[in-house]
Amino acid sequence: MRTRTWAPYALIAPTLLLMAVFLVYPIGSVVYYSLQRYNVTQPWKNGFAGLDNFKQMLFDDPLFWQSLAFSAKWVLVEVGLQLLLGLVLALIVNETFIGRGVARALVFSPWAVSGVLTTGIWILLLNPSTGIFQVLSEWGIGSPGTSVLGNPDTVFDALVVTELWRGVPFFAILLLADLQSIPKDLYEAASVDGASRWRRFTSVTLPHLKDAIILSTLLRAVWEFNNVDLIYTLTGGGPANQTTTLPLYVARQAVDSHNFGYGSALTVAGFLILLFFSIAYLRLSKFGSRA
């Protein structure tokens, strides 16, 4: 009996150990360092700081609030547009037409490209000397030497377009998979009842996609909030910190300035924000409920 009682725990022990090493310990370390003054360039000031890092973050650091506001704007715009365009593409490639396989491959291909390679492609496309805007200026459209990444009025739009190219296929893949699981009988019954195409979409398709939409938007919101590679490579957070997200600000503090204590405090703040958002979003959206 004792062997049967302990056998399940023995089987999951390796997984629990790995979770403790790769999840619990890093989180605990970040929380610990967030309560410390730990800057390798100023070791004489290192020591216990209590909540001083958090007080500085909340009351004496306007760049924290600026980066947090930009992160929220970035997530809302990106996730909203990616969901809309991904749903449209999923509906298109779910239809039967000649060349559907090729169309699906083209739609999904950007998702297979790494983040660094994506930014490399768009750096070349947006290059003011050799990119697409230089080609357009040679055709008489626009002015030569246009730098959309260096202009405060256009940099956000350029980043949005770049990330849309990479992020839209994620929604298209997930939503297409769920679309294919909808019973055809539901559409046939709706057609017999005289439902229009729009009515079938709102009454049959969308309710069935509800959980897939909730889960995909939550995952993508977390990923976009933590997006560093694309923005760092394209703009570095500029111009004038205009495109600095909270994770990018963390990287500057911890990696560039070696201020690991304050960087850890910023990380804890970001973690708590995402945790609260995820719980509230799942509760408010009634994820898993068919009501």
Protein backbone atom coordinates (compact mmCIF):
# COMPACT_ATOMS: atom_id res chain seq x y z
CA MET A 1 0.00 0.00 0.00
CA ARG A 2 2.82 2.40 0.84
CA THR A 3 4.49 1.62 -2.46
CA ARG A 4 1.27 2.37 -4.35
CA THR A 5 0.86 5.61 -2.41
CA TRP A 6 4.32 6.94 -3.19
CA ALA A 7 4.62 5.56 -6.72
CA PRO A 8 2.80 8.49 -8.46
CA TYR A 9 4.93 11.05 -6.60
CA ALA A 10 8.10 9.18 -7.53
CA LEU A 11 7.08 9.24 -11.18
CA ILE A 12 6.49 13.02 -11.25
CA ALA A 13 9.51 13.80 -9.06
CA PRO A 14 11.89 14.38 -12.02
CA THR A 15 9.45 16.86 -13.57
CA LEU A 16 9.00 18.68 -10.27
CA LEU A 17 12.76 18.84 -9.85
CA LEU A 18 13.21 20.35 -13.31
CA MET A 19 10.45 22.89 -12.61
CA ALA A 20 12.15 23.86 -9.36
CA VAL A 21 15.52 24.30 -11.08
CA PHE A 22 14.35 26.15 -14.18
CA LEU A 23 11.27 28.00 -12.89
CA VAL A 24 11.07 28.41 -9.12
CA TYR A 25 14.75 29.17 -8.55
CA PRO A 26 15.01 31.91 -11.25
CA ILE A 27 11.84 33.60 -10.01
CA GLY A 28 13.08 33.46 -6.44
CA SER A 29 16.46 34.89 -7.48
CA VAL A 30 14.84 37.82 -9.27
CA VAL A 31 12.66 38.60 -6.26
CA TYR A 32 15.71 38.42 -3.99
CA TYR A 33 17.81 40.75 -6.14
CA SER A 34 14.89 43.18 -6.48
CA LEU A 35 15.31 43.84 -2.76
CA GLN A 36 19.05 44.47 -3.10
CA ARG A 37 21.32 47.25 -4.32
CA TYR A 38 23.34 45.23 -6.76
CA ASN A 39 25.35 47.12 -9.35
CA VAL A 40 28.63 45.51 -10.39
CA THR A 41 30.04 48.90 -11.40
CA GLN A 42 29.45 50.28 -7.87
CA PRO A 43 30.16 47.35 -5.53
CA TRP A 44 30.64 49.64 -2.50
CA LYS A 45 26.93 50.48 -2.63
CA ASN A 46 25.72 46.88 -2.79
CA GLY A 47 23.54 45.58 0.03
CA PHE A 48 20.01 45.19 1.24
CA ALA A 49 17.71 47.91 -0.15
CA GLY A 50 14.30 46.75 0.98
CA LEU A 51 11.65 48.46 -1.14
CA ASP A 52 13.92 51.32 -2.26
CA ASN A 53 14.12 49.98 -5.84
CA PHE A 54 10.33 49.87 -6.06
CA LYS A 55 9.99 53.37 -4.58
CA GLN A 56 12.45 54.69 -7.15
CA MET A 57 10.55 52.90 -9.91
CA LEU A 58 7.14 54.24 -8.90
CA PHE A 59 7.97 57.78 -7.81
CA ASP A 60 11.35 58.82 -9.28
CA ASP A 61 11.58 57.15 -12.67
CA PRO A 62 9.39 58.68 -15.40
CA LEU A 63 10.93 56.33 -17.99
CA PHE A 64 9.32 53.38 -16.19
CA TRP A 65 5.85 54.84 -16.71
CA GLN A 66 6.68 55.86 -20.28
CA SER A 67 7.92 52.37 -21.16
CA LEU A 68 4.91 50.78 -19.45
CA ALA A 69 2.49 53.02 -21.37
CA PHE A 70 4.21 52.20 -24.66
CA SER A 71 4.13 48.48 -23.82
CA ALA A 72 0.37 48.67 -23.24
CA LYS A 73 -0.15 50.56 -26.50
CA TRP A 74 2.06 48.11 -28.36
CA VAL A 75 0.19 45.07 -27.02
CA LEU A 76 -3.28 46.49 -27.71
CA VAL A 77 -2.51 47.54 -31.28
CA GLU A 78 -0.50 44.46 -32.23
CA VAL A 79 -2.78 41.83 -30.72
CA GLY A 80 -5.92 43.52 -32.04
CA LEU A 81 -4.64 43.83 -35.61
CA GLN A 82 -3.02 40.39 -35.61
CA LEU A 83 -6.28 38.80 -34.43
CA LEU A 84 -8.36 40.61 -37.06
CA LEU A 85 -6.01 39.88 -39.97
CA GLY A 86 -5.32 36.33 -38.77
CA LEU A 87 -9.05 35.60 -38.61
CA VAL A 88 -9.56 36.96 -42.13
CA LEU A 89 -6.71 34.84 -43.50
CA ALA A 90 -7.94 31.74 -41.64
CA LEU A 91 -11.42 32.17 -43.13
CA ILE A 92 -9.95 32.59 -46.63
CA VAL A 93 -7.63 29.56 -46.58
CA ASN A 94 -10.38 27.46 -44.96
CA GLU A 95 -12.38 27.74 -48.18
CA THR A 96 -11.91 25.28 -51.04
CA PHE A 97 -10.15 26.74 -54.08
CA ILE A 98 -7.39 25.88 -56.52
CA GLY A 99 -3.95 26.39 -54.99
CA ARG A 100 -5.19 26.35 -51.40
CA GLY A 101 -2.17 24.35 -50.25
CA VAL A 102 0.23 26.92 -51.72
CA ALA A 103 -1.80 29.78 -50.21
CA ARG A 104 -1.65 28.16 -46.77
CA ALA A 105 2.11 27.68 -47.06
CA LEU A 106 2.58 31.34 -47.99
CA VAL A 107 0.36 32.51 -45.13
CA PHE A 108 2.13 30.38 -42.53
CA SER A 109 5.72 30.84 -43.77
CA PRO A 110 6.55 34.07 -41.84
CA TRP A 111 5.88 32.26 -38.56
CA ALA A 112 8.71 29.83 -39.37
CA VAL A 113 11.23 32.66 -39.75
CA SER A 114 13.32 33.47 -36.66
CA GLY A 115 13.00 36.86 -35.00
CA VAL A 116 16.56 37.90 -35.85
CA LEU A 117 16.10 36.97 -39.51
CA THR A 118 12.77 38.83 -39.58
CA THR A 119 14.38 42.01 -38.33
CA GLY A 120 17.23 41.57 -40.80
CA ILE A 121 14.74 41.37 -43.68
CA TRP A 122 12.88 44.48 -42.55
CA ILE A 123 16.06 46.46 -41.87
CA LEU A 124 16.92 45.94 -45.54
CA LEU A 125 13.38 46.80 -46.66
CA LEU A 126 13.24 49.99 -44.58
CA ASN A 127 16.79 51.11 -45.29
CA PRO A 128 16.55 54.78 -46.42
CA SER A 129 19.32 54.33 -49.01
CA THR A 130 18.54 50.96 -50.58
CA GLY A 131 15.12 49.94 -49.26
CA ILE A 132 11.59 50.11 -50.56
CA PHE A 133 11.18 53.84 -49.97
CA GLN A 134 14.27 54.57 -52.07
CA VAL A 135 12.78 52.49 -54.89
CA LEU A 136 9.46 54.35 -54.59
CA SER A 137 11.24 57.71 -54.69
CA GLU A 138 12.92 56.67 -57.95
CA TRP A 139 9.43 56.10 -59.33
CA GLY A 140 8.41 59.58 -58.25
CA ILE A 141 6.56 58.47 -55.09
CA GLY A 142 7.81 60.14 -51.91
CA SER A 143 11.20 61.70 -51.28
CA PRO A 144 14.59 59.95 -51.36
CA GLY A 145 16.31 59.08 -48.10
CA THR A 146 13.09 58.61 -46.13
CA SER A 147 13.90 57.01 -42.76
CA VAL A 148 10.68 55.74 -41.19
CA LEU A 149 12.56 54.23 -38.24
CA GLY A 150 14.27 57.49 -37.39
CA ASN A 151 11.16 59.66 -37.66
CA PRO A 152 9.10 59.95 -34.44
CA ASP A 153 5.93 60.32 -36.52
CA THR A 154 6.37 57.06 -38.45
CA VAL A 155 8.50 54.77 -36.28
CA PHE A 156 5.56 53.21 -34.43
CA ASP A 157 3.69 52.45 -37.65
CA ALA A 158 6.82 50.87 -39.15
CA LEU A 159 7.27 48.64 -36.10
CA VAL A 160 3.61 47.64 -36.17
CA VAL A 161 3.77 46.59 -39.83
CA THR A 162 6.96 44.64 -39.22
CA GLU A 163 5.54 42.71 -36.28
CA LEU A 164 2.26 42.10 -38.10
CA TRP A 165 4.16 40.26 -40.82
CA ARG A 166 5.55 37.91 -38.19
CA GLY A 167 2.55 37.66 -35.84
CA VAL A 168 -0.50 37.32 -38.11
CA PRO A 169 0.33 33.70 -39.12
CA PHE A 170 0.18 32.65 -35.45
CA PHE A 171 -3.51 33.55 -35.26
CA ALA A 172 -4.18 32.18 -38.73
CA ILE A 173 -2.75 28.77 -37.80
CA LEU A 174 -4.64 28.42 -34.52
CA LEU A 175 -7.95 29.73 -35.84
CA LEU A 176 -7.76 27.62 -38.99
CA ALA A 177 -7.26 24.50 -36.88
CA ASP A 178 -10.37 25.37 -34.87
CA LEU A 179 -12.37 26.27 -37.97
CA GLN A 180 -11.77 22.82 -39.40
CA SER A 181 -13.26 21.23 -36.28
CA ILE A 182 -16.65 22.95 -36.68
CA PRO A 183 -19.26 20.38 -37.79
CA LYS A 184 -20.55 21.05 -41.29
CA ASP A 185 -24.03 20.10 -40.10
CA LEU A 186 -24.27 23.38 -38.17
CA TYR A 187 -23.72 25.44 -41.32
CA GLU A 188 -26.16 23.29 -43.28
CA ALA A 189 -28.84 23.68 -40.61
CA ALA A 190 -28.29 27.44 -40.52
CA SER A 191 -28.58 27.63 -44.31
CA VAL A 192 -31.84 25.67 -44.23
CA ASP A 193 -33.17 28.18 -41.68
CA GLY A 194 -32.37 30.97 -44.12
CA ALA A 195 -29.36 32.40 -42.26
CA SER A 196 -27.15 34.71 -44.32
CA ARG A 197 -23.38 34.28 -44.57
CA TRP A 198 -22.86 37.01 -41.94
CA ARG A 199 -25.44 35.40 -39.62
CA ARG A 200 -23.73 32.02 -39.97
CA PHE A 201 -20.43 33.67 -39.11
CA THR A 202 -21.74 35.43 -35.99
CA SER A 203 -23.98 32.60 -34.76
CA VAL A 204 -21.93 29.53 -35.66
CA THR A 205 -18.31 30.40 -36.38
CA LEU A 206 -17.51 33.00 -33.72
CA PRO A 207 -19.09 31.12 -30.76
CA HIS A 208 -17.11 28.02 -31.72
CA LEU A 209 -13.89 30.05 -31.98
CA LYS A 210 -14.41 31.76 -28.61
CA ASP A 211 -11.94 29.71 -26.54
CA ALA A 212 -9.35 29.64 -29.33
CA ILE A 213 -9.54 33.43 -29.62
CA ILE A 214 -9.27 33.94 -25.86
CA LEU A 215 -6.28 31.62 -25.51
CA SER A 216 -4.44 32.89 -28.58
CA THR A 217 -4.90 36.55 -27.66
CA LEU A 218 -3.68 35.89 -24.12
CA LEU A 219 -0.58 34.04 -25.31
CA ARG A 220 0.16 36.65 -27.95
CA ALA A 221 -0.37 39.52 -25.49
CA VAL A 222 2.21 38.02 -23.14
CA TRP A 223 4.65 37.45 -26.00
CA GLU A 224 4.19 40.95 -27.38
CA PHE A 225 4.60 42.50 -23.94
CA ASN A 226 7.93 40.67 -23.62
CA ASN A 227 9.00 41.50 -27.17
CA VAL A 228 12.62 42.67 -27.16
CA ASP A 229 14.43 41.30 -30.20
CA LEU A 230 12.50 43.08 -32.96
CA ILE A 231 12.26 46.51 -31.33
CA TYR A 232 15.84 46.39 -30.03
CA THR A 233 17.22 45.44 -33.44
CA LEU A 234 15.18 47.96 -35.45
CA THR A 235 15.18 51.04 -33.20
CA GLY A 236 17.01 50.22 -29.97
CA GLY A 237 14.11 51.88 -28.16
CA GLY A 238 14.53 55.18 -29.98
CA PRO A 239 14.19 57.77 -31.16
CA ALA A 240 14.39 59.50 -27.76
CA ASN A 241 13.10 56.39 -25.91
CA GLN A 242 9.85 56.65 -27.86
CA THR A 243 9.72 52.91 -28.60
CA THR A 244 11.19 51.64 -25.34
CA THR A 245 9.10 48.82 -23.87
CA LEU A 246 9.33 47.70 -20.25
CA PRO A 247 11.34 44.52 -21.07
CA LEU A 248 13.70 46.59 -23.22
CA TYR A 249 14.13 49.02 -20.32
CA VAL A 250 14.91 46.03 -18.08
CA ALA A 251 17.60 44.93 -20.54
CA ARG A 252 19.13 48.39 -20.52
CA GLN A 253 19.28 48.54 -16.74
CA ALA A 254 20.49 45.00 -16.12
CA VAL A 255 22.65 44.26 -19.18
CA ASP A 256 23.89 47.66 -20.34
CA SER A 257 24.12 49.50 -17.00
CA HIS A 258 24.82 46.38 -14.89
CA ASN A 259 22.24 47.58 -12.36
CA PHE A 260 20.87 44.13 -11.61
CA GLY A 261 19.02 45.17 -8.47
CA TYR A 262 16.90 47.80 -10.17
CA GLY A 263 16.53 45.64 -13.29
CA SER A 264 15.20 42.82 -11.08
CA ALA A 265 12.67 45.20 -9.50
CA LEU A 266 11.45 46.20 -12.97
CA THR A 267 11.18 42.51 -13.86
CA VAL A 268 9.10 41.76 -10.76
CA ALA A 269 6.78 44.65 -11.67
CA GLY A 270 6.34 43.31 -15.19
CA PHE A 271 5.70 39.81 -13.86
CA LEU A 272 3.00 41.01 -11.47
CA ILE A 273 1.35 43.09 -14.21
CA LEU A 274 1.20 40.10 -16.57
CA LEU A 275 -0.02 37.79 -13.79
CA PHE A 276 -2.84 40.15 -12.83
CA PHE A 277 -3.78 40.74 -16.47
CA SER A 278 -3.84 37.01 -17.28
CA ILE A 279 -6.04 36.10 -14.31
CA ALA A 280 -8.43 39.01 -14.89
CA TYR A 281 -8.64 38.34 -18.63
CA LEU A 282 -9.44 34.67 -18.19
CA ARG A 283 -12.08 35.41 -15.57
CA LEU A 284 -13.77 38.23 -17.46
CA SER A 285 -13.76 36.33 -20.75
CA LYS A 286 -15.18 33.17 -19.06
CA PHE A 287 -12.62 30.96 -20.73
CA GLY A 288 -13.86 27.36 -21.01
CA SER A 289 -17.49 28.33 -20.57
CA ARG A 290 -19.95 27.66 -23.37
CA ALA A 291 -22.38 30.28 -22.03
